[in-house]
Amino acid sequence: RRNLVSPAWKDPEKLEFFELSLKSGSYAKSWYNKLAATETDTFAHLVAAFQRQWPEKEMAIREKGELQEELLSLKLRPEEVGVRIVEEGIEEWGQVHWAVKVAAIAARIEDDGGLIPQALKNIPDSLLLRLGPKRKTWPELRAQQQPQTPTRGLTTAFSGMAATSPARTDPVRRVLFPQVPGAPAGRTYRPDTERLRMIQAAPVTIHPRNQAGLAAYAQQITAYTQKHGTLKPSEERPYPLSPGTVAVGSGECHKCGMVGHYNADCTAASALLIPDTEFRWRQIVQSIHTRIARNARTTAVNIVADAGEDVFGTAEYDQAVIEEYLRSQGKGEGPT
């Protein structure tokens, strides 16, 4: 994702962006956590360490063929249009999720738009009608919209769809990943303001960092695991916070749970770093704060409001989210 990094960004912002791109619990996140301080002090050192671990190689023809099959098998069902979905605590519109996945695969196989007419067969007719009286090819869309990316033509055509479009009268959240046995199949949409009220009202005790506090914290973790198993934390099940840290949504560093610096600037010893699940929980709460602040500055809420002009473009969408996050922590727009 180096193409998403703005040339104006300084090393702390680049390092922050890289860390936020790592999935909690993944092999890449584990590799990153084990890097020496001299490998993460500058972005150039981090790139060098990454390339040593994963040297770039040419993609085999067979792999490209498999990715092409995967791209053409991705379908956007009518009931997914205009409906919010949640993936690891981050909300996204169904059509945005589909377009981002398709664009990412197309970039991997270096497709210049030749597969787009086939990909358009996998979207509902109601969206095809927004492209005009006939089904256009990507060159026609590029000429009409003057896109900067192969996906901008389609995304611009979709950008006028209101988030509250009556695609269905009983919208429900799509479940992207199977839940543990006995867990509910899904839940109805809950506004961010209500989610934040639930989080702030939750009886969460942060113990001091001493022997007694660490023992009480261990009991909190045991109780959470016994009650919720492997379910991810949410406003309904807030995760216990490490002793001596600050409350969630305080503009804190998500690595050590303290205020005053970015994640990339954290110098806490490994023994003071918070668990991955707590790291993710703090990210979720911060994202809720950021969306509330952004929506408060927006009068007409629609798809384009979440990501600027090109909602469906992978680079522009991801960069908008990251820049909004950095602004909320770095310029005082986030929670206080």
C-alpha atoms as a PDB file:
ATOM      1  CA  ARG A   1       0.000   0.000   0.000  1.00  0.00           C
ATOM      2  CA  ARG A   2       2.922   2.356  -0.396  1.00  0.00           C
ATOM      3  CA  ASN A   3       0.978   4.122  -3.158  1.00  0.00           C
ATOM      4  CA  LEU A   4      -1.495   5.320  -0.488  1.00  0.00           C
ATOM      5  CA  VAL A   5       1.195   7.185   1.450  1.00  0.00           C
ATOM      6  CA  SER A   6       1.112  10.905   0.693  1.00  0.00           C
ATOM      7  CA  PRO A   7       4.466  12.424  -0.343  1.00  0.00           C
ATOM      8  CA  ALA A   8       3.838  15.123   2.268  1.00  0.00           C
ATOM      9  CA  TRP A   9       3.690  12.634   5.132  1.00  0.00           C
ATOM     10  CA  LYS A  10       6.593  12.526   7.550  1.00  0.00           C
ATOM     11  CA  ASP A  11       8.037   9.325   9.000  1.00  0.00           C
ATOM     12  CA  PRO A  12       5.777   9.208  12.111  1.00  0.00           C
ATOM     13  CA  GLU A  13       2.673   9.378   9.890  1.00  0.00           C
ATOM     14  CA  LYS A  14       3.996   6.732   7.501  1.00  0.00           C
ATOM     15  CA  LEU A  15       4.892   4.416  10.357  1.00  0.00           C
ATOM     16  CA  GLU A  16       1.483   5.018  11.942  1.00  0.00           C
ATOM     17  CA  PHE A  17      -0.277   4.200   8.668  1.00  0.00           C
ATOM     18  CA  PHE A  18       1.722   0.994   8.239  1.00  0.00           C
ATOM     19  CA  GLU A  19       0.919  -0.195  11.753  1.00  0.00           C
ATOM     20  CA  LEU A  20      -2.800   0.560  11.367  1.00  0.00           C
ATOM     21  CA  SER A  21      -2.806  -1.536   8.181  1.00  0.00           C
ATOM     22  CA  LEU A  22      -1.780  -4.661  10.112  1.00  0.00           C
ATOM     23  CA  LYS A  23      -4.548  -6.965  11.254  1.00  0.00           C
ATOM     24  CA  SER A  24      -4.488  -7.755  14.950  1.00  0.00           C
ATOM     25  CA  GLY A  25      -3.451 -11.355  15.571  1.00  0.00           C
ATOM     26  CA  SER A  26      -2.012 -11.810  12.076  1.00  0.00           C
ATOM     27  CA  TYR A  27       1.444 -13.151  11.253  1.00  0.00           C
ATOM     28  CA  ALA A  28       2.450  -9.735   9.911  1.00  0.00           C
ATOM     29  CA  LYS A  29       1.412  -8.028  13.166  1.00  0.00           C
ATOM     30  CA  SER A  30       3.403 -10.568  15.182  1.00  0.00           C
ATOM     31  CA  TRP A  31       6.426  -9.962  12.928  1.00  0.00           C
ATOM     32  CA  TYR A  32       6.090  -6.203  13.364  1.00  0.00           C
ATOM     33  CA  ASN A  33       5.882  -6.433  17.160  1.00  0.00           C
ATOM     34  CA  LYS A  34       9.186  -8.352  17.234  1.00  0.00           C
ATOM     35  CA  LEU A  35      11.147  -5.816  15.178  1.00  0.00           C
ATOM     36  CA  ALA A  36      14.066  -4.085  16.839  1.00  0.00           C
ATOM     37  CA  ALA A  37      13.777  -0.384  17.613  1.00  0.00           C
ATOM     38  CA  THR A  38      16.380   0.366  14.932  1.00  0.00           C
ATOM     39  CA  GLU A  39      14.118  -1.256  12.335  1.00  0.00           C
ATOM     40  CA  THR A  40      11.097   0.943  13.098  1.00  0.00           C
ATOM     41  CA  ASP A  41      12.747   4.275  13.878  1.00  0.00           C
ATOM     42  CA  THR A  42      12.429   5.449  10.250  1.00  0.00           C
ATOM     43  CA  PHE A  43      10.156   4.474   7.385  1.00  0.00           C
ATOM     44  CA  ALA A  44      13.153   3.553   5.215  1.00  0.00           C
ATOM     45  CA  HIS A  45      14.390   1.105   7.856  1.00  0.00           C
ATOM     46  CA  LEU A  46      10.905  -0.409   8.117  1.00  0.00           C
ATOM     47  CA  VAL A  47      10.686  -0.856   4.331  1.00  0.00           C
ATOM     48  CA  ALA A  48      14.081  -2.563   4.330  1.00  0.00           C
ATOM     49  CA  ALA A  49      13.017  -4.937   7.107  1.00  0.00           C
ATOM     50  CA  PHE A  50       9.777  -5.705   5.280  1.00  0.00           C
ATOM     51  CA  GLN A  51      11.571  -6.481   2.027  1.00  0.00           C
ATOM     52  CA  ARG A  52      13.996  -8.775   3.831  1.00  0.00           C
ATOM     53  CA  GLN A  53      11.077 -10.703   5.288  1.00  0.00           C
ATOM     54  CA  TRP A  54       8.957 -10.724   2.129  1.00  0.00           C
ATOM     55  CA  PRO A  55      11.157 -10.156  -0.950  1.00  0.00           C
ATOM     56  CA  GLU A  56       9.169  -9.133  -4.000  1.00  0.00           C
ATOM     57  CA  LYS A  57       8.665 -11.795  -6.631  1.00  0.00           C
ATOM     58  CA  GLU A  58       6.929 -12.046  -9.961  1.00  0.00           C
ATOM     59  CA  MET A  59       3.418 -13.442  -9.837  1.00  0.00           C
ATOM     60  CA  ALA A  60       3.058 -16.745 -11.626  1.00  0.00           C
ATOM     61  CA  ILE A  61       0.636 -16.953 -14.570  1.00  0.00           C
ATOM     62  CA  ARG A  62      -1.353 -19.603 -12.718  1.00  0.00           C
ATOM     63  CA  GLU A  63      -1.761 -17.295  -9.744  1.00  0.00           C
ATOM     64  CA  LYS A  64      -3.058 -14.510 -11.967  1.00  0.00           C
ATOM     65  CA  GLY A  65      -5.585 -16.888 -13.458  1.00  0.00           C
ATOM     66  CA  GLU A  66      -6.816 -17.875 -10.023  1.00  0.00           C
ATOM     67  CA  LEU A  67      -7.139 -14.243  -8.975  1.00  0.00           C
ATOM     68  CA  GLN A  68      -9.080 -13.478 -12.148  1.00  0.00           C
ATOM     69  CA  GLU A  69     -11.509 -16.277 -11.315  1.00  0.00           C
ATOM     70  CA  GLU A  70     -11.870 -14.897  -7.796  1.00  0.00           C
ATOM     71  CA  LEU A  71     -12.551 -11.389  -9.140  1.00  0.00           C
ATOM     72  CA  LEU A  72     -15.252 -12.596 -11.516  1.00  0.00           C
ATOM     73  CA  SER A  73     -16.888 -14.684  -8.792  1.00  0.00           C
ATOM     74  CA  LEU A  74     -17.450 -11.709  -6.472  1.00  0.00           C
ATOM     75  CA  LYS A  75     -21.123 -10.761  -6.626  1.00  0.00           C
ATOM     76  CA  LEU A  76     -22.949  -7.795  -5.133  1.00  0.00           C
ATOM     77  CA  ARG A  77     -26.433  -8.951  -4.169  1.00  0.00           C
ATOM     78  CA  PRO A  78     -29.371  -6.506  -4.207  1.00  0.00           C
ATOM     79  CA  GLU A  79     -29.918  -6.889  -0.463  1.00  0.00           C
ATOM     80  CA  GLU A  80     -26.343  -5.697   0.184  1.00  0.00           C
ATOM     81  CA  VAL A  81     -26.845  -2.308  -1.500  1.00  0.00           C
ATOM     82  CA  GLY A  82     -27.333   0.587   0.920  1.00  0.00           C
ATOM     83  CA  VAL A  83     -26.820  -1.667   3.936  1.00  0.00           C
ATOM     84  CA  ARG A  84     -24.072  -1.186   6.508  1.00  0.00           C
ATOM     85  CA  ILE A  85     -21.772  -4.110   7.173  1.00  0.00           C
ATOM     86  CA  VAL A  86     -19.194  -4.515   9.902  1.00  0.00           C
ATOM     87  CA  GLU A  87     -15.781  -6.079   9.490  1.00  0.00           C
ATOM     88  CA  GLU A  88     -13.752  -6.161  12.709  1.00  0.00           C
ATOM     89  CA  GLY A  89     -15.614  -3.208  14.159  1.00  0.00           C
ATOM     90  CA  ILE A  90     -15.346  -0.977  11.077  1.00  0.00           C
ATOM     91  CA  GLU A  91     -18.628  -0.070   9.329  1.00  0.00           C
ATOM     92  CA  GLU A  92     -18.809   0.110   5.550  1.00  0.00           C
ATOM     93  CA  TRP A  93     -21.558   0.169   2.930  1.00  0.00           C
ATOM     94  CA  GLY A  94     -22.159  -3.108   1.097  1.00  0.00           C
ATOM     95  CA  GLN A  95     -21.443  -1.690  -2.362  1.00  0.00           C
ATOM     96  CA  VAL A  96     -18.268  -0.009  -1.081  1.00  0.00           C
ATOM     97  CA  HIS A  97     -17.034  -3.281   0.386  1.00  0.00           C
ATOM     98  CA  TRP A  98     -17.626  -5.087  -2.933  1.00  0.00           C
ATOM     99  CA  ALA A  99     -15.940  -2.402  -5.048  1.00  0.00           C
ATOM    100  CA  VAL A 100     -12.892  -2.164  -2.795  1.00  0.00           C
ATOM    101  CA  LYS A 101     -12.375  -5.934  -2.920  1.00  0.00           C
ATOM    102  CA  VAL A 102     -12.733  -6.037  -6.710  1.00  0.00           C
ATOM    103  CA  ALA A 103     -10.366  -3.096  -7.183  1.00  0.00           C
ATOM    104  CA  ALA A 104      -7.771  -4.670  -4.907  1.00  0.00           C
ATOM    105  CA  ILE A 105      -7.780  -7.940  -6.849  1.00  0.00           C
ATOM    106  CA  ALA A 106      -7.662  -6.086 -10.179  1.00  0.00           C
ATOM    107  CA  ALA A 107      -4.592  -4.196  -8.988  1.00  0.00           C
ATOM    108  CA  ARG A 108      -2.863  -7.445  -8.030  1.00  0.00           C
ATOM    109  CA  ILE A 109      -3.309  -8.917 -11.509  1.00  0.00           C
ATOM    110  CA  GLU A 110      -2.466  -5.559 -13.130  1.00  0.00           C
ATOM    111  CA  ASP A 111      -5.715  -5.440 -15.083  1.00  0.00           C
ATOM    112  CA  ASP A 112      -6.159  -2.201 -17.062  1.00  0.00           C
ATOM    113  CA  GLY A 113      -9.949  -2.385 -17.094  1.00  0.00           C
ATOM    114  CA  GLY A 114     -10.511  -5.235 -19.526  1.00  0.00           C
ATOM    115  CA  LEU A 115     -12.301  -7.329 -16.904  1.00  0.00           C
ATOM    116  CA  ILE A 116     -14.692  -4.577 -15.830  1.00  0.00           C
ATOM    117  CA  PRO A 117     -17.513  -5.404 -18.306  1.00  0.00           C
ATOM    118  CA  GLN A 118     -17.550  -8.932 -16.878  1.00  0.00           C
ATOM    119  CA  ALA A 119     -17.396  -7.652 -13.311  1.00  0.00           C
ATOM    120  CA  LEU A 120     -20.394  -5.382 -13.998  1.00  0.00           C
ATOM    121  CA  LYS A 121     -22.484  -8.480 -14.638  1.00  0.00           C
ATOM    122  CA  ASN A 122     -22.169  -9.254 -10.937  1.00  0.00           C
ATOM    123  CA  ILE A 123     -23.925  -6.104  -9.684  1.00  0.00           C
ATOM    124  CA  PRO A 124     -27.699  -5.472  -9.431  1.00  0.00           C
ATOM    125  CA  ASP A 125     -29.508  -4.020 -12.438  1.00  0.00           C
ATOM    126  CA  SER A 126     -30.549  -1.038 -10.311  1.00  0.00           C
ATOM    127  CA  LEU A 127     -26.905   0.030 -10.164  1.00  0.00           C
ATOM    128  CA  LEU A 128     -26.295  -0.673 -13.838  1.00  0.00           C
ATOM    129  CA  LEU A 129     -29.082   1.773 -14.690  1.00  0.00           C
ATOM    130  CA  ARG A 130     -27.064   4.524 -13.033  1.00  0.00           C
ATOM    131  CA  LEU A 131     -24.339   4.032 -15.622  1.00  0.00           C
ATOM    132  CA  GLY A 132     -26.618   5.275 -18.393  1.00  0.00           C
ATOM    133  CA  PRO A 133     -28.918   3.776 -21.034  1.00  0.00           C
ATOM    134  CA  LYS A 134     -26.318   1.235 -22.108  1.00  0.00           C
ATOM    135  CA  ARG A 135     -23.615  -0.750 -20.407  1.00  0.00           C
ATOM    136  CA  LYS A 136     -20.415   1.201 -20.965  1.00  0.00           C
ATOM    137  CA  THR A 137     -16.929  -0.206 -21.231  1.00  0.00           C
ATOM    138  CA  TRP A 138     -14.168   1.065 -18.980  1.00  0.00           C
ATOM    139  CA  PRO A 139     -12.561   3.192 -21.721  1.00  0.00           C
ATOM    140  CA  GLU A 140     -15.924   4.964 -22.197  1.00  0.00           C
ATOM    141  CA  LEU A 141     -16.246   5.508 -18.468  1.00  0.00           C
ATOM    142  CA  ARG A 142     -12.689   6.822 -18.264  1.00  0.00           C
ATOM    143  CA  ALA A 143     -13.379   9.304 -21.073  1.00  0.00           C
ATOM    144  CA  GLN A 144     -16.642  10.442 -19.488  1.00  0.00           C
ATOM    145  CA  GLN A 145     -15.444  10.792 -15.890  1.00  0.00           C
ATOM    146  CA  GLN A 146     -11.739  11.506 -16.496  1.00  0.00           C
ATOM    147  CA  PRO A 147     -10.813   9.080 -13.735  1.00  0.00           C
ATOM    148  CA  GLN A 148      -7.459   8.863 -12.037  1.00  0.00           C
ATOM    149  CA  THR A 149      -7.970   5.188 -11.311  1.00  0.00           C
ATOM    150  CA  PRO A 150      -9.659   2.409 -13.338  1.00  0.00           C
ATOM    151  CA  THR A 151     -12.501   2.299 -10.819  1.00  0.00           C
ATOM    152  CA  ARG A 152     -13.376   5.999 -10.674  1.00  0.00           C
ATOM    153  CA  GLY A 153     -15.937   5.856 -13.490  1.00  0.00           C
ATOM    154  CA  LEU A 154     -18.056   3.277 -11.755  1.00  0.00           C
ATOM    155  CA  THR A 155     -17.604   4.833  -8.350  1.00  0.00           C
ATOM    156  CA  THR A 156     -18.627   8.296  -9.509  1.00  0.00           C
ATOM    157  CA  ALA A 157     -21.799   6.849 -10.982  1.00  0.00           C
ATOM    158  CA  PHE A 158     -22.566   5.196  -7.647  1.00  0.00           C
ATOM    159  CA  SER A 159     -21.646   8.176  -5.495  1.00  0.00           C
ATOM    160  CA  GLY A 160     -25.069   9.789  -5.789  1.00  0.00           C
ATOM    161  CA  MET A 161     -26.799   6.908  -4.045  1.00  0.00           C
ATOM    162  CA  ALA A 162     -28.025   8.019  -0.616  1.00  0.00           C
ATOM    163  CA  ALA A 163     -26.958   5.925   2.321  1.00  0.00           C
ATOM    164  CA  THR A 164     -30.619   5.713   3.273  1.00  0.00           C
ATOM    165  CA  SER A 165     -31.674   4.567  -0.193  1.00  0.00           C
ATOM    166  CA  PRO A 166     -34.771   2.314   0.061  1.00  0.00           C
ATOM    167  CA  ALA A 167     -32.952  -0.670  -1.365  1.00  0.00           C
ATOM    168  CA  ARG A 168     -34.985  -2.759   1.076  1.00  0.00           C
ATOM    169  CA  THR A 169     -37.505  -1.970   3.776  1.00  0.00           C
ATOM    170  CA  ASP A 170     -35.923  -4.149   6.463  1.00  0.00           C
ATOM    171  CA  PRO A 171     -32.159  -3.562   6.244  1.00  0.00           C
ATOM    172  CA  VAL A 172     -30.028  -5.867   8.355  1.00  0.00           C
ATOM    173  CA  ARG A 173     -26.308  -6.116   8.790  1.00  0.00           C
ATOM    174  CA  ARG A 174     -24.605  -8.706   6.668  1.00  0.00           C
ATOM    175  CA  VAL A 175     -22.569 -11.221   8.651  1.00  0.00           C
ATOM    176  CA  LEU A 176     -19.190 -11.511   6.919  1.00  0.00           C
ATOM    177  CA  PHE A 177     -17.659 -14.093   9.215  1.00  0.00           C
ATOM    178  CA  PRO A 178     -19.267 -17.097  10.933  1.00  0.00           C
ATOM    179  CA  GLN A 179     -19.754 -16.604  14.654  1.00  0.00           C
ATOM    180  CA  VAL A 180     -19.150 -19.103  17.385  1.00  0.00           C
ATOM    181  CA  PRO A 181     -21.968 -21.635  18.016  1.00  0.00           C
ATOM    182  CA  GLY A 182     -24.813 -20.165  19.956  1.00  0.00           C
ATOM    183  CA  ALA A 183     -23.995 -16.573  19.018  1.00  0.00           C
ATOM    184  CA  PRO A 184     -26.731 -14.524  17.306  1.00  0.00           C
ATOM    185  CA  ALA A 185     -26.569 -14.410  13.513  1.00  0.00           C
ATOM    186  CA  GLY A 186     -26.399 -10.625  13.535  1.00  0.00           C
ATOM    187  CA  ARG A 187     -27.948  -7.480  14.988  1.00  0.00           C
ATOM    188  CA  THR A 188     -29.729  -4.458  13.655  1.00  0.00           C
ATOM    189  CA  TYR A 189     -27.893  -1.235  12.939  1.00  0.00           C
ATOM    190  CA  ARG A 190     -27.073   0.869  15.992  1.00  0.00           C
ATOM    191  CA  PRO A 191     -26.110   4.549  15.489  1.00  0.00           C
ATOM    192  CA  ASP A 192     -22.609   5.574  16.526  1.00  0.00           C
ATOM    193  CA  THR A 193     -23.978   8.075  19.044  1.00  0.00           C
ATOM    194  CA  GLU A 194     -25.854   5.290  20.815  1.00  0.00           C
ATOM    195  CA  ARG A 195     -22.804   3.026  20.678  1.00  0.00           C
ATOM    196  CA  LEU A 196     -20.687   5.747  22.276  1.00  0.00           C
ATOM    197  CA  ARG A 197     -23.251   6.316  25.037  1.00  0.00           C
ATOM    198  CA  MET A 198     -23.199   2.604  25.838  1.00  0.00           C
ATOM    199  CA  ILE A 199     -19.389   2.572  25.934  1.00  0.00           C
ATOM    200  CA  GLN A 200     -19.204   5.605  28.210  1.00  0.00           C
ATOM    201  CA  ALA A 201     -21.876   4.208  30.534  1.00  0.00           C
ATOM    202  CA  ALA A 202     -20.251   0.780  30.842  1.00  0.00           C
ATOM    203  CA  PRO A 203     -18.947   0.048  34.366  1.00  0.00           C
ATOM    204  CA  VAL A 204     -15.273  -0.433  33.446  1.00  0.00           C
ATOM    205  CA  THR A 205     -12.731  -0.352  36.263  1.00  0.00           C
ATOM    206  CA  ILE A 206      -9.105   0.484  35.446  1.00  0.00           C
ATOM    207  CA  HIS A 207      -6.904  -0.811  38.235  1.00  0.00           C
ATOM    208  CA  PRO A 208      -3.594   0.759  39.281  1.00  0.00           C
ATOM    209  CA  ARG A 209      -0.429  -0.854  38.004  1.00  0.00           C
ATOM    210  CA  ASN A 210       0.649  -2.638  41.172  1.00  0.00           C
ATOM    211  CA  GLN A 211       0.530  -6.192  42.435  1.00  0.00           C
ATOM    212  CA  ALA A 212      -3.077  -5.961  43.592  1.00  0.00           C
ATOM    213  CA  GLY A 213      -4.159  -4.189  40.406  1.00  0.00           C
ATOM    214  CA  LEU A 214      -2.513  -6.774  38.159  1.00  0.00           C
ATOM    215  CA  ALA A 215      -4.229  -9.578  40.077  1.00  0.00           C
ATOM    216  CA  ALA A 216      -7.624  -7.877  39.740  1.00  0.00           C
ATOM    217  CA  TYR A 217      -6.982  -7.292  36.031  1.00  0.00           C
ATOM    218  CA  ALA A 218      -6.205 -10.990  35.530  1.00  0.00           C
ATOM    219  CA  GLN A 219      -9.581 -11.796  37.080  1.00  0.00           C
ATOM    220  CA  GLN A 220     -11.268  -9.354  34.673  1.00  0.00           C
ATOM    221  CA  ILE A 221      -9.675 -11.087  31.675  1.00  0.00           C
ATOM    222  CA  THR A 222     -10.726 -14.505  32.966  1.00  0.00           C
ATOM    223  CA  ALA A 223     -14.302 -13.318  33.503  1.00  0.00           C
ATOM    224  CA  TYR A 224     -14.455 -11.798  30.003  1.00  0.00           C
ATOM    225  CA  THR A 225     -13.171 -14.996  28.389  1.00  0.00           C
ATOM    226  CA  GLN A 226     -15.578 -17.187  30.341  1.00  0.00           C
ATOM    227  CA  LYS A 227     -18.545 -14.991  29.417  1.00  0.00           C
ATOM    228  CA  HIS A 228     -17.764 -14.060  25.807  1.00  0.00           C
ATOM    229  CA  GLY A 229     -15.280 -16.656  24.581  1.00  0.00           C
ATOM    230  CA  THR A 230     -13.543 -15.510  21.402  1.00  0.00           C
ATOM    231  CA  LEU A 231     -16.117 -12.836  20.497  1.00  0.00           C
ATOM    232  CA  LYS A 232     -14.548  -9.508  19.620  1.00  0.00           C
ATOM    233  CA  PRO A 233     -15.159  -6.604  22.018  1.00  0.00           C
ATOM    234  CA  SER A 234     -17.977  -4.163  21.272  1.00  0.00           C
ATOM    235  CA  GLU A 235     -20.192  -1.639  23.014  1.00  0.00           C
ATOM    236  CA  GLU A 236     -22.128  -4.617  24.389  1.00  0.00           C
ATOM    237  CA  ARG A 237     -19.001  -6.305  25.744  1.00  0.00           C
ATOM    238  CA  PRO A 238     -16.226  -3.768  26.462  1.00  0.00           C
ATOM    239  CA  TYR A 239     -12.807  -5.313  26.924  1.00  0.00           C
ATOM    240  CA  PRO A 240     -10.932  -4.953  30.242  1.00  0.00           C
ATOM    241  CA  LEU A 241      -8.283  -2.222  30.167  1.00  0.00           C
ATOM    242  CA  SER A 242      -4.710  -2.759  31.283  1.00  0.00           C
ATOM    243  CA  PRO A 243      -3.776  -1.446  34.732  1.00  0.00           C
ATOM    244  CA  GLY A 244      -2.471   2.108  34.777  1.00  0.00           C
ATOM    245  CA  THR A 245      -3.819   3.035  31.323  1.00  0.00           C
ATOM    246  CA  VAL A 246      -6.356   5.722  30.415  1.00  0.00           C
ATOM    247  CA  ALA A 247      -9.970   5.229  29.371  1.00  0.00           C
ATOM    248  CA  VAL A 248     -10.820   4.343  25.777  1.00  0.00           C
ATOM    249  CA  GLY A 249     -11.495   7.282  23.464  1.00  0.00           C
ATOM    250  CA  SER A 250      -9.008   9.558  25.233  1.00  0.00           C
ATOM    251  CA  GLY A 251      -6.879  10.162  22.143  1.00  0.00           C
ATOM    252  CA  GLU A 252      -4.462   7.649  23.560  1.00  0.00           C
ATOM    253  CA  CYS A 253      -1.698   5.570  21.990  1.00  0.00           C
ATOM    254  CA  HIS A 254      -3.191   2.196  21.149  1.00  0.00           C
ATOM    255  CA  LYS A 255       0.044   0.348  21.900  1.00  0.00           C
ATOM    256  CA  CYS A 256       0.545   1.350  25.535  1.00  0.00           C
ATOM    257  CA  GLY A 257      -2.817   2.923  26.424  1.00  0.00           C
ATOM    258  CA  MET A 258      -1.299   6.270  27.436  1.00  0.00           C
ATOM    259  CA  VAL A 259      -1.783   9.790  26.056  1.00  0.00           C
ATOM    260  CA  GLY A 260       0.749  12.195  24.587  1.00  0.00           C
ATOM    261  CA  HIS A 261       2.089  10.423  21.498  1.00  0.00           C
ATOM    262  CA  TYR A 262       1.202   8.464  18.339  1.00  0.00           C
ATOM    263  CA  ASN A 263       1.448   4.683  18.118  1.00  0.00           C
ATOM    264  CA  ALA A 264       4.514   5.056  15.901  1.00  0.00           C
ATOM    265  CA  ASP A 265       6.224   7.204  18.551  1.00  0.00           C
ATOM    266  CA  CYS A 266       5.579   4.770  21.392  1.00  0.00           C
ATOM    267  CA  THR A 267       8.738   3.875  23.302  1.00  0.00           C
ATOM    268  CA  ALA A 268       7.108   1.736  25.982  1.00  0.00           C
ATOM    269  CA  ALA A 269       8.908  -1.450  26.946  1.00  0.00           C
ATOM    270  CA  SER A 270       7.415  -4.670  25.610  1.00  0.00           C
ATOM    271  CA  ALA A 271       6.166  -5.555  29.097  1.00  0.00           C
ATOM    272  CA  LEU A 272       4.044  -2.385  29.099  1.00  0.00           C
ATOM    273  CA  LEU A 273       2.386  -2.947  25.711  1.00  0.00           C
ATOM    274  CA  ILE A 274      -1.307  -3.768  25.895  1.00  0.00           C
ATOM    275  CA  PRO A 275      -2.787  -7.033  24.505  1.00  0.00           C
ATOM    276  CA  ASP A 276      -3.811  -7.184  20.847  1.00  0.00           C
ATOM    277  CA  THR A 277      -7.520  -7.464  21.723  1.00  0.00           C
ATOM    278  CA  GLU A 278      -7.366  -4.318  23.845  1.00  0.00           C
ATOM    279  CA  PHE A 279      -5.393  -2.612  21.053  1.00  0.00           C
ATOM    280  CA  ARG A 280      -8.229  -3.402  18.635  1.00  0.00           C
ATOM    281  CA  TRP A 281     -10.896  -2.322  21.119  1.00  0.00           C
ATOM    282  CA  ARG A 282      -9.267   1.080  21.532  1.00  0.00           C
ATOM    283  CA  GLN A 283      -9.124   1.429  17.725  1.00  0.00           C
ATOM    284  CA  ILE A 284     -12.838   0.638  17.455  1.00  0.00           C
ATOM    285  CA  VAL A 285     -13.768   3.284  20.019  1.00  0.00           C
ATOM    286  CA  GLN A 286     -11.537   5.849  18.307  1.00  0.00           C
ATOM    287  CA  SER A 287     -13.186   5.104  14.944  1.00  0.00           C
ATOM    288  CA  ILE A 288     -16.616   5.704  16.514  1.00  0.00           C
ATOM    289  CA  HIS A 289     -15.460   9.068  17.890  1.00  0.00           C
ATOM    290  CA  THR A 290     -14.002  10.013  14.501  1.00  0.00           C
ATOM    291  CA  ARG A 291     -17.185   9.156  12.580  1.00  0.00           C
ATOM    292  CA  ILE A 292     -19.340  11.120  15.015  1.00  0.00           C
ATOM    293  CA  ALA A 293     -17.096  14.176  14.681  1.00  0.00           C
ATOM    294  CA  ARG A 294     -17.064  13.864  10.887  1.00  0.00           C
ATOM    295  CA  ASN A 295     -20.844  13.460  10.614  1.00  0.00           C
ATOM    296  CA  ALA A 296     -21.361  16.503  12.829  1.00  0.00           C
ATOM    297  CA  ARG A 297     -19.608  18.574  10.157  1.00  0.00           C
ATOM    298  CA  THR A 298     -21.652  16.991   7.329  1.00  0.00           C
ATOM    299  CA  THR A 299     -25.120  18.224   6.387  1.00  0.00           C
ATOM    300  CA  ALA A 300     -26.171  15.706   3.708  1.00  0.00           C
ATOM    301  CA  VAL A 301     -25.151  12.189   4.698  1.00  0.00           C
ATOM    302  CA  ASN A 302     -24.676   9.891   1.743  1.00  0.00           C
ATOM    303  CA  ILE A 303     -22.129   7.439   0.434  1.00  0.00           C
ATOM    304  CA  VAL A 304     -19.708  10.090  -0.752  1.00  0.00           C
ATOM    305  CA  ALA A 305     -19.640  11.687   2.719  1.00  0.00           C
ATOM    306  CA  ASP A 306     -17.587   8.834   4.149  1.00  0.00           C
ATOM    307  CA  ALA A 307     -14.678   8.971   1.736  1.00  0.00           C
ATOM    308  CA  GLY A 308     -14.654  12.124  -0.340  1.00  0.00           C
ATOM    309  CA  GLU A 309     -15.276  12.220  -4.083  1.00  0.00           C
ATOM    310  CA  ASP A 310     -14.261   8.667  -4.949  1.00  0.00           C
ATOM    311  CA  VAL A 311     -15.855   6.363  -2.402  1.00  0.00           C
ATOM    312  CA  PHE A 312     -15.113   3.203  -4.336  1.00  0.00           C
ATOM    313  CA  GLY A 313     -11.458   3.920  -5.207  1.00  0.00           C
ATOM    314  CA  THR A 314      -9.291   1.818  -2.913  1.00  0.00           C
ATOM    315  CA  ALA A 315      -6.457   4.339  -2.614  1.00  0.00           C
ATOM    316  CA  GLU A 316      -8.633   7.402  -2.105  1.00  0.00           C
ATOM    317  CA  TYR A 317     -11.006   5.640   0.308  1.00  0.00           C
ATOM    318  CA  ASP A 318      -8.283   4.173   2.523  1.00  0.00           C
ATOM    319  CA  GLN A 319      -6.267   7.390   2.524  1.00  0.00           C
ATOM    320  CA  ALA A 320      -9.314   9.446   3.515  1.00  0.00           C
ATOM    321  CA  VAL A 321      -9.934   7.169   6.482  1.00  0.00           C
ATOM    322  CA  ILE A 322      -6.296   7.275   7.592  1.00  0.00           C
ATOM    323  CA  GLU A 323      -6.017  11.047   7.176  1.00  0.00           C
ATOM    324  CA  GLU A 324      -9.215  11.578   9.154  1.00  0.00           C
ATOM    325  CA  TYR A 325      -7.850   9.359  11.905  1.00  0.00           C
ATOM    326  CA  LEU A 326      -4.513  11.185  12.012  1.00  0.00           C
ATOM    327  CA  ARG A 327      -6.270  14.550  12.105  1.00  0.00           C
ATOM    328  CA  SER A 328      -8.487  13.433  14.978  1.00  0.00           C
ATOM    329  CA  GLN A 329      -5.479  12.446  17.085  1.00  0.00           C
ATOM    330  CA  GLY A 330      -3.010  15.071  15.943  1.00  0.00           C
ATOM    331  CA  LYS A 331      -5.099  18.243  15.768  1.00  0.00           C
ATOM    332  CA  GLY A 332      -7.435  17.915  18.692  1.00  0.00           C
ATOM    333  CA  GLU A 333     -10.571  17.050  16.734  1.00  0.00           C
ATOM    334  CA  GLY A 334     -10.922  13.716  18.427  1.00  0.00           C
ATOM    335  CA  PRO A 335     -12.254  12.992  21.918  1.00  0.00           C
ATOM    336  CA  THR A 336     -10.738  14.796  24.858  1.00  0.00           C
END
